[in-house]
Amino acid sequence: MLKDRFLENVGAVGASNIRWLVVAVKLPNGVIEIITNSQNIKTKIDYYDSAYDDLLRLKTNPDISIVNWLIV
């Protein structure tokens, strides 16, 4: 599943080694929002893991989904 791939990518780098986590989120109106995190990366990863389903759709609103990410 898509979330497994995200978590594998994170695991390959190691959460403590990630300097930037950039996530593209598709909103219900079709707009793509870019979220850039440079602090509390582990907390954000844990949030994505718990708040999004296996297809990276927000559990509380499946019309919101993570469509891509970049790990630096």
Protein backbone atom coordinates (compact mmCIF):
# COMPACT_ATOMS: atom_id res chain seq x y z
CA MET A 1 0.00 0.00 0.00
CA LEU A 2 0.98 3.62 -0.41
CA LYS A 3 1.43 4.24 3.31
CA ASP A 4 3.78 1.25 3.50
CA ARG A 5 5.92 2.81 0.76
CA PHE A 6 5.98 6.14 2.64
CA LEU A 7 7.02 4.43 5.88
CA GLU A 8 9.65 2.35 4.05
CA ASN A 9 11.12 5.54 2.56
CA VAL A 10 11.20 7.15 6.00
CA GLY A 11 12.73 4.01 7.51
CA ALA A 12 15.42 3.82 4.84
CA VAL A 13 16.66 7.27 5.83
CA GLY A 14 15.83 7.07 9.52
CA ALA A 15 13.54 9.66 11.11
CA SER A 16 16.39 11.19 13.09
CA ASN A 17 18.37 11.77 9.87
CA ILE A 18 15.58 13.58 8.02
CA ARG A 19 16.20 17.31 7.77
CA TRP A 20 13.15 18.16 5.65
CA LEU A 21 9.91 16.26 5.12
CA VAL A 22 7.88 17.74 2.27
CA VAL A 23 4.40 16.36 1.66
CA ALA A 24 1.99 17.14 -1.20
CA VAL A 25 -1.60 16.95 0.02
CA LYS A 26 -4.54 16.97 -2.38
CA LEU A 27 -7.50 18.90 -0.97
CA PRO A 28 -11.18 18.20 -1.77
CA ASN A 29 -11.25 21.02 -4.35
CA GLY A 30 -8.34 19.41 -6.23
CA VAL A 31 -5.72 21.92 -5.11
CA ILE A 32 -2.36 20.46 -4.09
CA GLU A 33 -0.98 21.93 -0.87
CA ILE A 34 2.73 21.57 -0.14
CA ILE A 35 3.60 21.11 3.53
CA THR A 36 7.24 21.47 4.56
CA ASN A 37 8.40 20.23 7.95
CA SER A 38 11.86 20.85 9.33
CA GLN A 39 11.20 20.31 13.05
CA ASN A 40 9.53 17.56 15.06
CA ILE A 41 9.84 15.23 12.07
CA LYS A 42 9.22 12.06 14.12
CA THR A 43 6.02 13.54 15.53
CA LYS A 44 4.81 14.46 12.04
CA ILE A 45 5.60 10.97 10.71
CA ASP A 46 3.66 9.45 13.60
CA TYR A 47 0.76 11.78 12.81
CA TYR A 48 0.72 10.75 9.13
CA ASP A 49 0.89 7.10 10.16
CA SER A 50 -2.08 7.36 12.55
CA ALA A 51 -4.28 9.92 10.77
CA TYR A 52 -4.05 8.52 7.21
CA ASP A 53 -5.24 5.14 5.92
CA ASP A 54 -3.26 2.64 3.82
CA LEU A 55 -3.91 4.70 0.67
CA LEU A 56 -2.81 7.88 2.48
CA ARG A 57 -6.34 9.29 2.64
CA LEU A 58 -7.16 11.27 5.75
CA LYS A 59 -9.30 8.98 7.90
CA THR A 60 -11.60 11.81 9.03
CA ASN A 61 -12.01 13.14 5.45
CA PRO A 62 -11.01 10.71 2.67
CA ASP A 63 -11.27 13.55 0.12
CA ILE A 64 -7.93 14.76 1.53
CA SER A 65 -4.94 12.62 0.60
CA ILE A 66 -1.18 12.62 0.49
CA VAL A 67 -0.22 12.32 -3.17
CA ASN A 68 3.56 12.60 -2.93
CA TRP A 69 6.43 13.30 -0.57
CA LEU A 70 10.08 14.24 -0.52
CA ILE A 71 12.55 13.27 2.18
CA VAL A 72 15.74 15.30 2.49
